[in-house]
Amino acid sequence: MSTPYPIPVTPTKTRVGWIGIGVMGSAMASRLLSAGYSLAVYARNPSKSLSLQSQGACIADSPLELACSSDVVFTMLGHPRDVRSIVLEKNGVLSGLNPNCVTIDMTSSHPALAREIFAAAREKNCWTVDAPVSGGDIGARDGKLAILAGGDRGVVEWLSPLFEILGKTTYLGPAGSGQSCKIGNQILVGANLIGLSEGLVFAERAGLDKRQFLDAVRGGAAGSMVMELFGERAIERDFRPGGFAEYMVKDLGMGVDVVEEGDDDRVDMVRIDGSGRKRWDVIKGFGGMVKLHVD
């Protein structure tokens, strides 16, 4: 059986494909399997798929093969270049996707690429949704991700039985809107992480009890989800990695690119001086070396 759009999505009939089984992708795919969906997986490193295979997932030899046998294909990759390769290039997802089937990119990627993929899919009478997520590995495991969706509203609503297993979906607008929202999200998260770290350091050096400090401020304007997720971990010096710092650097860099490359003339920024790009290049240069260790 198959359920291309707009035939309703159901665990017994809808065929799901998944590409990208890192820390978050594997947890998300596992939730779909647990909900009863038939899942095919493609991994460039087949050994990474063994856990999902033990839960009942089938293994595809290529993105093309996976797409040919799927009604809905999820991608959860590291970088926009990976998305372009897996989705758009020869033997990619769009080469095999059947009419009215849907590919969902949950990678934190570039808004312009999301619009390019949407246009290419419509030429084939297929659909795409850009749906990056926020919530980290814990949200992925617990099904509490914030899903930021861009694309056709009807298609996003059609996908709700799948999205509800993974988290809460907000529809932002046409193709690329989900990715633009994720960039804005990362700006906020980065600023909150810096603020939380500096606030705790100040409190400690001022002689305050750090837990009492957090309890005092979390109910006011300083309170945030970042504080709830990472405040206690910071106090306990629990610095187990939940993701690669290079991905945050990548996400913030895309925000700079959107503005400086004129990708979206609706976005502009205040320029204090001409050194913004130079400063960002220095930060980006350290991205591959940072391992989320805080001392």
C-alpha atoms as a PDB file:
ATOM      1  CA  MET A   1       0.000   0.000   0.000  1.00  0.00           C
ATOM      2  CA  SER A   2       1.018   3.622  -0.427  1.00  0.00           C
ATOM      3  CA  THR A   3      -0.419   6.967   0.643  1.00  0.00           C
ATOM      4  CA  PRO A   4       0.838   9.829  -1.529  1.00  0.00           C
ATOM      5  CA  TYR A   5      -0.595  13.254  -0.719  1.00  0.00           C
ATOM      6  CA  PRO A   6      -3.521  13.804  -0.068  1.00  0.00           C
ATOM      7  CA  ILE A   7      -4.378  10.196   0.927  1.00  0.00           C
ATOM      8  CA  PRO A   8      -4.362  10.232   4.769  1.00  0.00           C
ATOM      9  CA  VAL A   9      -1.169   9.214   6.558  1.00  0.00           C
ATOM     10  CA  THR A  10      -1.540   6.026   8.620  1.00  0.00           C
ATOM     11  CA  PRO A  11       0.983   3.665  10.268  1.00  0.00           C
ATOM     12  CA  THR A  12      -0.375   0.647   8.382  1.00  0.00           C
ATOM     13  CA  LYS A  13      -0.201   2.142   4.889  1.00  0.00           C
ATOM     14  CA  THR A  14       2.253   5.061   4.750  1.00  0.00           C
ATOM     15  CA  ARG A  15       5.778   4.105   3.726  1.00  0.00           C
ATOM     16  CA  VAL A  16       8.418   6.266   5.418  1.00  0.00           C
ATOM     17  CA  GLY A  17      12.057   6.706   4.423  1.00  0.00           C
ATOM     18  CA  TRP A  18      14.746   8.212   6.659  1.00  0.00           C
ATOM     19  CA  ILE A  19      18.183   9.567   5.723  1.00  0.00           C
ATOM     20  CA  GLY A  20      20.506  10.839   8.445  1.00  0.00           C
ATOM     21  CA  ILE A  21      20.856   8.760  11.598  1.00  0.00           C
ATOM     22  CA  GLY A  22      23.128  10.747  13.853  1.00  0.00           C
ATOM     23  CA  VAL A  23      22.315  11.387  17.506  1.00  0.00           C
ATOM     24  CA  MET A  24      19.033  13.164  16.793  1.00  0.00           C
ATOM     25  CA  GLY A  25      18.065  11.450  13.553  1.00  0.00           C
ATOM     26  CA  SER A  26      18.317   7.966  15.024  1.00  0.00           C
ATOM     27  CA  ALA A  27      16.175   8.938  18.029  1.00  0.00           C
ATOM     28  CA  MET A  28      13.511  10.474  15.775  1.00  0.00           C
ATOM     29  CA  ALA A  29      13.465   7.504  13.407  1.00  0.00           C
ATOM     30  CA  SER A  30      13.189   5.149  16.377  1.00  0.00           C
ATOM     31  CA  ARG A  31      10.065   6.970  17.562  1.00  0.00           C
ATOM     32  CA  LEU A  32       8.406   6.463  14.163  1.00  0.00           C
ATOM     33  CA  LEU A  33       9.207   2.755  14.293  1.00  0.00           C
ATOM     34  CA  SER A  34       7.773   2.519  17.806  1.00  0.00           C
ATOM     35  CA  ALA A  35       4.589   4.177  16.533  1.00  0.00           C
ATOM     36  CA  GLY A  36       4.145   1.362  14.024  1.00  0.00           C
ATOM     37  CA  TYR A  37       5.341   2.973  10.800  1.00  0.00           C
ATOM     38  CA  SER A  38       7.169   0.977   8.147  1.00  0.00           C
ATOM     39  CA  LEU A  39      10.605   2.576   7.859  1.00  0.00           C
ATOM     40  CA  ALA A  40      13.369   2.316   5.278  1.00  0.00           C
ATOM     41  CA  VAL A  41      16.758   3.810   6.147  1.00  0.00           C
ATOM     42  CA  TYR A  42      19.720   4.918   4.065  1.00  0.00           C
ATOM     43  CA  ALA A  43      23.073   5.541   5.764  1.00  0.00           C
ATOM     44  CA  ARG A  44      26.386   6.318   4.106  1.00  0.00           C
ATOM     45  CA  ASN A  45      27.924   4.269   6.920  1.00  0.00           C
ATOM     46  CA  PRO A  46      25.706   1.135   7.077  1.00  0.00           C
ATOM     47  CA  SER A  47      26.961   0.166  10.539  1.00  0.00           C
ATOM     48  CA  LYS A  48      25.107   3.169  11.982  1.00  0.00           C
ATOM     49  CA  SER A  49      21.796   1.650  10.909  1.00  0.00           C
ATOM     50  CA  LEU A  50      22.150  -1.586  12.889  1.00  0.00           C
ATOM     51  CA  SER A  51      20.165  -0.355  15.895  1.00  0.00           C
ATOM     52  CA  LEU A  52      17.233   0.773  13.739  1.00  0.00           C
ATOM     53  CA  GLN A  53      17.459  -2.427  11.721  1.00  0.00           C
ATOM     54  CA  SER A  54      17.071  -4.417  14.938  1.00  0.00           C
ATOM     55  CA  GLN A  55      13.830  -2.487  15.548  1.00  0.00           C
ATOM     56  CA  GLY A  56      12.454  -3.491  12.153  1.00  0.00           C
ATOM     57  CA  ALA A  57      13.775  -0.886   9.726  1.00  0.00           C
ATOM     58  CA  CYS A  58      14.678  -1.951   6.189  1.00  0.00           C
ATOM     59  CA  ILE A  59      17.975  -0.802   4.680  1.00  0.00           C
ATOM     60  CA  ALA A  60      18.147   0.937   1.294  1.00  0.00           C
ATOM     61  CA  ASP A  61      21.311   0.992  -0.794  1.00  0.00           C
ATOM     62  CA  SER A  62      20.884   4.553  -2.075  1.00  0.00           C
ATOM     63  CA  PRO A  63      18.715   7.668  -1.657  1.00  0.00           C
ATOM     64  CA  LEU A  64      17.188   6.862  -5.046  1.00  0.00           C
ATOM     65  CA  GLU A  65      16.177   3.352  -3.985  1.00  0.00           C
ATOM     66  CA  LEU A  66      14.767   4.630  -0.704  1.00  0.00           C
ATOM     67  CA  ALA A  67      12.720   7.354  -2.421  1.00  0.00           C
ATOM     68  CA  CYS A  68      11.253   4.943  -4.975  1.00  0.00           C
ATOM     69  CA  SER A  69       9.667   2.895  -2.195  1.00  0.00           C
ATOM     70  CA  SER A  70       8.587   5.733   0.145  1.00  0.00           C
ATOM     71  CA  ASP A  71       5.589   8.054   0.374  1.00  0.00           C
ATOM     72  CA  VAL A  72       7.414  10.376   2.771  1.00  0.00           C
ATOM     73  CA  VAL A  73      11.190  10.820   2.990  1.00  0.00           C
ATOM     74  CA  PHE A  74      12.825  12.573   5.949  1.00  0.00           C
ATOM     75  CA  THR A  75      16.354  13.978   5.747  1.00  0.00           C
ATOM     76  CA  MET A  76      18.246  14.966   8.913  1.00  0.00           C
ATOM     77  CA  LEU A  77      21.792  15.815   7.827  1.00  0.00           C
ATOM     78  CA  GLY A  78      24.699  17.951   8.970  1.00  0.00           C
ATOM     79  CA  HIS A  79      25.170  20.668   6.370  1.00  0.00           C
ATOM     80  CA  PRO A  80      23.395  22.257   3.390  1.00  0.00           C
ATOM     81  CA  ARG A  81      25.958  20.666   1.057  1.00  0.00           C
ATOM     82  CA  ASP A  82      24.855  17.247   2.326  1.00  0.00           C
ATOM     83  CA  VAL A  83      21.220  18.131   1.660  1.00  0.00           C
ATOM     84  CA  ARG A  84      22.016  19.255  -1.880  1.00  0.00           C
ATOM     85  CA  SER A  85      23.927  16.044  -2.574  1.00  0.00           C
ATOM     86  CA  ILE A  86      21.341  13.684  -1.078  1.00  0.00           C
ATOM     87  CA  VAL A  87      18.223  15.404  -2.437  1.00  0.00           C
ATOM     88  CA  LEU A  88      19.080  17.178  -5.692  1.00  0.00           C
ATOM     89  CA  GLU A  89      22.000  15.389  -7.329  1.00  0.00           C
ATOM     90  CA  LYS A  90      21.829  12.410  -9.675  1.00  0.00           C
ATOM     91  CA  ASN A  91      20.495   9.316  -7.892  1.00  0.00           C
ATOM     92  CA  GLY A  92      19.217  11.576  -5.121  1.00  0.00           C
ATOM     93  CA  VAL A  93      15.831  11.609  -3.423  1.00  0.00           C
ATOM     94  CA  LEU A  94      14.054  13.707  -6.050  1.00  0.00           C
ATOM     95  CA  SER A  95      15.277  11.377  -8.782  1.00  0.00           C
ATOM     96  CA  GLY A  96      13.236   8.550  -7.283  1.00  0.00           C
ATOM     97  CA  LEU A  97      10.337  10.263  -5.524  1.00  0.00           C
ATOM     98  CA  ASN A  98       6.956   9.359  -7.009  1.00  0.00           C
ATOM     99  CA  PRO A  99       4.294  11.970  -7.912  1.00  0.00           C
ATOM    100  CA  ASN A 100       2.566  13.600  -4.918  1.00  0.00           C
ATOM    101  CA  CYS A 101       5.033  12.049  -2.494  1.00  0.00           C
ATOM    102  CA  VAL A 102       6.824  14.323  -0.028  1.00  0.00           C
ATOM    103  CA  THR A 103      10.370  14.883   1.181  1.00  0.00           C
ATOM    104  CA  ILE A 104      10.886  16.674   4.499  1.00  0.00           C
ATOM    105  CA  ASP A 105      14.244  18.267   5.259  1.00  0.00           C
ATOM    106  CA  MET A 106      14.749  18.576   9.016  1.00  0.00           C
ATOM    107  CA  THR A 107      18.376  19.652   8.655  1.00  0.00           C
ATOM    108  CA  SER A 108      19.248  23.169   9.804  1.00  0.00           C
ATOM    109  CA  SER A 109      19.913  24.410   6.299  1.00  0.00           C
ATOM    110  CA  HIS A 110      19.793  27.517   4.108  1.00  0.00           C
ATOM    111  CA  PRO A 111      16.441  29.155   3.248  1.00  0.00           C
ATOM    112  CA  ALA A 112      17.512  29.623  -0.378  1.00  0.00           C
ATOM    113  CA  LEU A 113      18.286  25.909  -0.712  1.00  0.00           C
ATOM    114  CA  ALA A 114      14.870  25.050   0.731  1.00  0.00           C
ATOM    115  CA  ARG A 115      13.206  27.191  -1.922  1.00  0.00           C
ATOM    116  CA  GLU A 116      15.356  25.622  -4.644  1.00  0.00           C
ATOM    117  CA  ILE A 117      14.381  22.114  -3.545  1.00  0.00           C
ATOM    118  CA  PHE A 118      10.699  23.089  -3.381  1.00  0.00           C
ATOM    119  CA  ALA A 119      10.799  24.421  -6.954  1.00  0.00           C
ATOM    120  CA  ALA A 120      12.583  21.290  -8.213  1.00  0.00           C
ATOM    121  CA  ALA A 121      10.038  19.057  -6.480  1.00  0.00           C
ATOM    122  CA  ARG A 122       7.050  20.879  -7.928  1.00  0.00           C
ATOM    123  CA  GLU A 123       8.491  20.410 -11.427  1.00  0.00           C
ATOM    124  CA  LYS A 124       8.193  16.665 -10.743  1.00  0.00           C
ATOM    125  CA  ASN A 125       4.722  16.982  -9.212  1.00  0.00           C
ATOM    126  CA  CYS A 126       6.198  16.185  -5.799  1.00  0.00           C
ATOM    127  CA  TRP A 127       6.210  18.203  -2.574  1.00  0.00           C
ATOM    128  CA  THR A 128       8.838  19.317  -0.089  1.00  0.00           C
ATOM    129  CA  VAL A 129       8.670  20.788   3.402  1.00  0.00           C
ATOM    130  CA  ASP A 130      11.552  22.437   5.234  1.00  0.00           C
ATOM    131  CA  ALA A 131      11.096  21.514   8.894  1.00  0.00           C
ATOM    132  CA  PRO A 132      14.217  22.087  11.016  1.00  0.00           C
ATOM    133  CA  VAL A 133      13.839  21.377  14.704  1.00  0.00           C
ATOM    134  CA  SER A 134      14.847  22.763  18.072  1.00  0.00           C
ATOM    135  CA  GLY A 135      15.075  20.827  21.305  1.00  0.00           C
ATOM    136  CA  GLY A 136      18.312  18.880  21.065  1.00  0.00           C
ATOM    137  CA  ASP A 137      18.911  15.209  21.664  1.00  0.00           C
ATOM    138  CA  ILE A 138      16.633  15.150  24.713  1.00  0.00           C
ATOM    139  CA  GLY A 139      13.724  16.597  22.740  1.00  0.00           C
ATOM    140  CA  ALA A 140      14.368  14.118  19.928  1.00  0.00           C
ATOM    141  CA  ARG A 141      14.318  11.166  22.306  1.00  0.00           C
ATOM    142  CA  ASP A 142      11.215  12.335  24.199  1.00  0.00           C
ATOM    143  CA  GLY A 143       9.214  13.504  21.179  1.00  0.00           C
ATOM    144  CA  LYS A 144       9.200  17.108  22.385  1.00  0.00           C
ATOM    145  CA  LEU A 145      10.929  18.892  19.525  1.00  0.00           C
ATOM    146  CA  ALA A 146       9.797  22.262  18.220  1.00  0.00           C
ATOM    147  CA  ILE A 147       9.234  21.634  14.487  1.00  0.00           C
ATOM    148  CA  LEU A 148       9.506  24.795  12.373  1.00  0.00           C
ATOM    149  CA  ALA A 149       7.719  24.115   9.103  1.00  0.00           C
ATOM    150  CA  GLY A 150       7.804  25.928   5.778  1.00  0.00           C
ATOM    151  CA  GLY A 151       6.085  24.938   2.534  1.00  0.00           C
ATOM    152  CA  ASP A 152       2.516  24.323   1.439  1.00  0.00           C
ATOM    153  CA  ARG A 153       0.176  24.587   4.434  1.00  0.00           C
ATOM    154  CA  GLY A 154      -2.010  21.710   3.258  1.00  0.00           C
ATOM    155  CA  VAL A 155       0.975  19.371   2.948  1.00  0.00           C
ATOM    156  CA  VAL A 156       2.251  20.359   6.409  1.00  0.00           C
ATOM    157  CA  GLU A 157      -1.172  19.618   7.893  1.00  0.00           C
ATOM    158  CA  TRP A 158      -1.293  16.295   6.014  1.00  0.00           C
ATOM    159  CA  LEU A 159       1.998  15.339   7.681  1.00  0.00           C
ATOM    160  CA  SER A 160       0.694  16.041  11.192  1.00  0.00           C
ATOM    161  CA  PRO A 161       0.315  12.342  12.189  1.00  0.00           C
ATOM    162  CA  LEU A 162       4.070  11.950  11.661  1.00  0.00           C
ATOM    163  CA  PHE A 163       5.067  15.302  13.135  1.00  0.00           C
ATOM    164  CA  GLU A 164       2.996  14.686  16.285  1.00  0.00           C
ATOM    165  CA  ILE A 165       5.208  11.700  17.107  1.00  0.00           C
ATOM    166  CA  LEU A 166       8.284  13.927  17.003  1.00  0.00           C
ATOM    167  CA  GLY A 167       7.080  17.118  18.670  1.00  0.00           C
ATOM    168  CA  LYS A 168       4.969  20.233  18.204  1.00  0.00           C
ATOM    169  CA  THR A 169       4.752  21.815  14.747  1.00  0.00           C
ATOM    170  CA  THR A 170       4.400  25.493  13.926  1.00  0.00           C
ATOM    171  CA  TYR A 171       3.628  26.463  10.333  1.00  0.00           C
ATOM    172  CA  LEU A 172       5.685  29.550   9.416  1.00  0.00           C
ATOM    173  CA  GLY A 173       4.832  30.181   5.763  1.00  0.00           C
ATOM    174  CA  PRO A 174       6.066  29.267   2.268  1.00  0.00           C
ATOM    175  CA  ALA A 175       9.190  27.267   1.418  1.00  0.00           C
ATOM    176  CA  GLY A 176      12.266  28.513   3.277  1.00  0.00           C
ATOM    177  CA  SER A 177      10.280  29.974   6.181  1.00  0.00           C
ATOM    178  CA  GLY A 178      11.106  27.073   8.483  1.00  0.00           C
ATOM    179  CA  GLN A 179      14.820  27.509   7.833  1.00  0.00           C
ATOM    180  CA  SER A 180      14.629  31.266   8.389  1.00  0.00           C
ATOM    181  CA  CYS A 181      12.869  30.628  11.699  1.00  0.00           C
ATOM    182  CA  LYS A 182      15.580  28.154  12.743  1.00  0.00           C
ATOM    183  CA  ILE A 183      18.302  30.736  12.090  1.00  0.00           C
ATOM    184  CA  GLY A 184      16.419  33.220  14.282  1.00  0.00           C
ATOM    185  CA  ASN A 185      16.027  30.493  16.911  1.00  0.00           C
ATOM    186  CA  GLN A 186      19.762  29.849  16.951  1.00  0.00           C
ATOM    187  CA  ILE A 187      20.520  33.539  17.396  1.00  0.00           C
ATOM    188  CA  LEU A 188      18.287  33.517  20.479  1.00  0.00           C
ATOM    189  CA  VAL A 189      19.695  30.234  21.825  1.00  0.00           C
ATOM    190  CA  GLY A 190      23.290  31.392  21.378  1.00  0.00           C
ATOM    191  CA  ALA A 191      22.613  34.676  23.157  1.00  0.00           C
ATOM    192  CA  ASN A 192      20.824  32.876  26.005  1.00  0.00           C
ATOM    193  CA  LEU A 193      23.660  30.376  26.458  1.00  0.00           C
ATOM    194  CA  ILE A 194      26.183  33.185  26.711  1.00  0.00           C
ATOM    195  CA  GLY A 195      23.957  35.070  29.151  1.00  0.00           C
ATOM    196  CA  LEU A 196      23.401  32.000  31.329  1.00  0.00           C
ATOM    197  CA  SER A 197      27.127  31.265  31.482  1.00  0.00           C
ATOM    198  CA  GLU A 198      28.097  34.837  32.316  1.00  0.00           C
ATOM    199  CA  GLY A 199      25.323  35.150  34.892  1.00  0.00           C
ATOM    200  CA  LEU A 200      26.414  31.995  36.729  1.00  0.00           C
ATOM    201  CA  VAL A 201      30.064  33.051  36.728  1.00  0.00           C
ATOM    202  CA  PHE A 202      29.118  36.467  38.112  1.00  0.00           C
ATOM    203  CA  ALA A 203      26.879  34.924  40.799  1.00  0.00           C
ATOM    204  CA  GLU A 204      29.649  32.587  41.940  1.00  0.00           C
ATOM    205  CA  ARG A 205      32.255  35.337  42.105  1.00  0.00           C
ATOM    206  CA  ALA A 206      29.816  37.555  43.985  1.00  0.00           C
ATOM    207  CA  GLY A 207      29.537  34.855  46.647  1.00  0.00           C
ATOM    208  CA  LEU A 208      26.002  33.723  45.814  1.00  0.00           C
ATOM    209  CA  ASP A 209      24.764  30.153  45.918  1.00  0.00           C
ATOM    210  CA  LYS A 210      24.343  29.280  42.232  1.00  0.00           C
ATOM    211  CA  ARG A 211      21.183  27.199  42.660  1.00  0.00           C
ATOM    212  CA  GLN A 212      19.584  29.872  44.793  1.00  0.00           C
ATOM    213  CA  PHE A 213      20.554  32.408  42.151  1.00  0.00           C
ATOM    214  CA  LEU A 214      18.792  30.433  39.411  1.00  0.00           C
ATOM    215  CA  ASP A 215      15.707  29.901  41.581  1.00  0.00           C
ATOM    216  CA  ALA A 216      15.564  33.635  42.233  1.00  0.00           C
ATOM    217  CA  VAL A 217      15.776  34.762  38.604  1.00  0.00           C
ATOM    218  CA  ARG A 218      14.012  31.995  36.656  1.00  0.00           C
ATOM    219  CA  GLY A 219      10.564  33.364  37.478  1.00  0.00           C
ATOM    220  CA  GLY A 220      11.406  36.810  36.148  1.00  0.00           C
ATOM    221  CA  ALA A 221      12.408  38.205  32.782  1.00  0.00           C
ATOM    222  CA  ALA A 222      15.711  36.285  32.837  1.00  0.00           C
ATOM    223  CA  GLY A 223      13.989  32.893  32.824  1.00  0.00           C
ATOM    224  CA  SER A 224      14.270  30.856  29.620  1.00  0.00           C
ATOM    225  CA  MET A 225      14.111  27.348  28.208  1.00  0.00           C
ATOM    226  CA  VAL A 226      17.911  27.472  27.919  1.00  0.00           C
ATOM    227  CA  MET A 227      18.079  28.067  31.665  1.00  0.00           C
ATOM    228  CA  GLU A 228      15.783  25.099  32.320  1.00  0.00           C
ATOM    229  CA  LEU A 229      17.726  22.783  30.019  1.00  0.00           C
ATOM    230  CA  PHE A 230      21.268  23.800  30.895  1.00  0.00           C
ATOM    231  CA  GLY A 231      21.251  25.687  34.200  1.00  0.00           C
ATOM    232  CA  GLU A 232      21.473  22.666  36.496  1.00  0.00           C
ATOM    233  CA  ARG A 233      23.864  20.920  34.115  1.00  0.00           C
ATOM    234  CA  ALA A 234      26.195  23.921  34.234  1.00  0.00           C
ATOM    235  CA  ILE A 235      26.134  23.987  38.033  1.00  0.00           C
ATOM    236  CA  GLU A 236      26.869  20.247  38.138  1.00  0.00           C
ATOM    237  CA  ARG A 237      29.603  20.759  35.522  1.00  0.00           C
ATOM    238  CA  ASP A 238      27.854  18.182  33.374  1.00  0.00           C
ATOM    239  CA  PHE A 239      29.418  18.977  30.024  1.00  0.00           C
ATOM    240  CA  ARG A 240      28.421  15.855  28.131  1.00  0.00           C
ATOM    241  CA  PRO A 241      28.034  16.922  24.491  1.00  0.00           C
ATOM    242  CA  GLY A 242      24.550  17.137  23.052  1.00  0.00           C
ATOM    243  CA  GLY A 243      25.728  18.187  19.617  1.00  0.00           C
ATOM    244  CA  PHE A 244      28.674  19.605  17.734  1.00  0.00           C
ATOM    245  CA  ALA A 245      29.609  23.252  18.259  1.00  0.00           C
ATOM    246  CA  GLU A 246      30.387  23.468  14.545  1.00  0.00           C
ATOM    247  CA  TYR A 247      26.661  23.124  13.816  1.00  0.00           C
ATOM    248  CA  MET A 248      25.849  26.206  15.889  1.00  0.00           C
ATOM    249  CA  VAL A 249      28.635  28.060  14.092  1.00  0.00           C
ATOM    250  CA  LYS A 250      27.170  26.871  10.781  1.00  0.00           C
ATOM    251  CA  ASP A 251      23.659  28.016  11.695  1.00  0.00           C
ATOM    252  CA  LEU A 252      24.756  31.473  12.810  1.00  0.00           C
ATOM    253  CA  GLY A 253      26.938  31.761   9.724  1.00  0.00           C
ATOM    254  CA  MET A 254      23.899  31.165   7.522  1.00  0.00           C
ATOM    255  CA  GLY A 255      22.242  34.122   9.216  1.00  0.00           C
ATOM    256  CA  VAL A 256      25.192  36.301   8.258  1.00  0.00           C
ATOM    257  CA  ASP A 257      25.062  34.908   4.713  1.00  0.00           C
ATOM    258  CA  VAL A 258      21.334  35.614   4.301  1.00  0.00           C
ATOM    259  CA  VAL A 259      21.922  39.273   5.119  1.00  0.00           C
ATOM    260  CA  GLU A 260      25.235  39.878   3.372  1.00  0.00           C
ATOM    261  CA  GLU A 261      24.419  37.959   0.194  1.00  0.00           C
ATOM    262  CA  GLY A 262      21.065  39.679  -0.189  1.00  0.00           C
ATOM    263  CA  ASP A 263      19.297  36.306  -0.231  1.00  0.00           C
ATOM    264  CA  ASP A 264      16.215  37.886   1.276  1.00  0.00           C
ATOM    265  CA  ASP A 265      15.643  41.600   0.826  1.00  0.00           C
ATOM    266  CA  ARG A 266      13.164  41.544   3.711  1.00  0.00           C
ATOM    267  CA  VAL A 267      16.075  41.059   6.133  1.00  0.00           C
ATOM    268  CA  ASP A 268      18.542  43.763   7.083  1.00  0.00           C
ATOM    269  CA  MET A 269      20.786  44.442  10.032  1.00  0.00           C
ATOM    270  CA  VAL A 270      22.312  47.403  11.816  1.00  0.00           C
ATOM    271  CA  ARG A 271      25.968  47.821  10.873  1.00  0.00           C
ATOM    272  CA  ILE A 272      28.170  49.312  13.569  1.00  0.00           C
ATOM    273  CA  ASP A 273      31.369  49.113  11.548  1.00  0.00           C
ATOM    274  CA  GLY A 274      32.797  47.205   8.621  1.00  0.00           C
ATOM    275  CA  SER A 275      34.476  44.449  10.599  1.00  0.00           C
ATOM    276  CA  GLY A 276      31.486  42.135  11.103  1.00  0.00           C
ATOM    277  CA  ARG A 277      32.453  39.648   8.392  1.00  0.00           C
ATOM    278  CA  LYS A 278      36.093  39.581   9.510  1.00  0.00           C
ATOM    279  CA  ARG A 279      35.047  38.880  13.078  1.00  0.00           C
ATOM    280  CA  TRP A 280      32.669  36.145  11.952  1.00  0.00           C
ATOM    281  CA  ASP A 281      35.383  34.489   9.854  1.00  0.00           C
ATOM    282  CA  VAL A 282      37.563  34.265  12.973  1.00  0.00           C
ATOM    283  CA  ILE A 283      34.723  32.644  14.947  1.00  0.00           C
ATOM    284  CA  LYS A 284      34.004  30.251  12.082  1.00  0.00           C
ATOM    285  CA  GLY A 285      37.651  29.252  11.966  1.00  0.00           C
ATOM    286  CA  PHE A 286      37.413  27.974  15.520  1.00  0.00           C
ATOM    287  CA  GLY A 287      34.166  26.087  14.881  1.00  0.00           C
ATOM    288  CA  GLY A 288      35.797  22.810  13.913  1.00  0.00           C
ATOM    289  CA  MET A 289      37.987  22.821  17.000  1.00  0.00           C
ATOM    290  CA  VAL A 290      35.367  23.536  19.674  1.00  0.00           C
ATOM    291  CA  LYS A 291      34.016  20.402  21.384  1.00  0.00           C
ATOM    292  CA  LEU A 292      31.486  22.028  23.721  1.00  0.00           C
ATOM    293  CA  HIS A 293      33.890  21.885  26.656  1.00  0.00           C
ATOM    294  CA  VAL A 294      33.398  24.617  29.221  1.00  0.00           C
ATOM    295  CA  ASP A 295      35.884  25.328  31.980  1.00  0.00           C
END
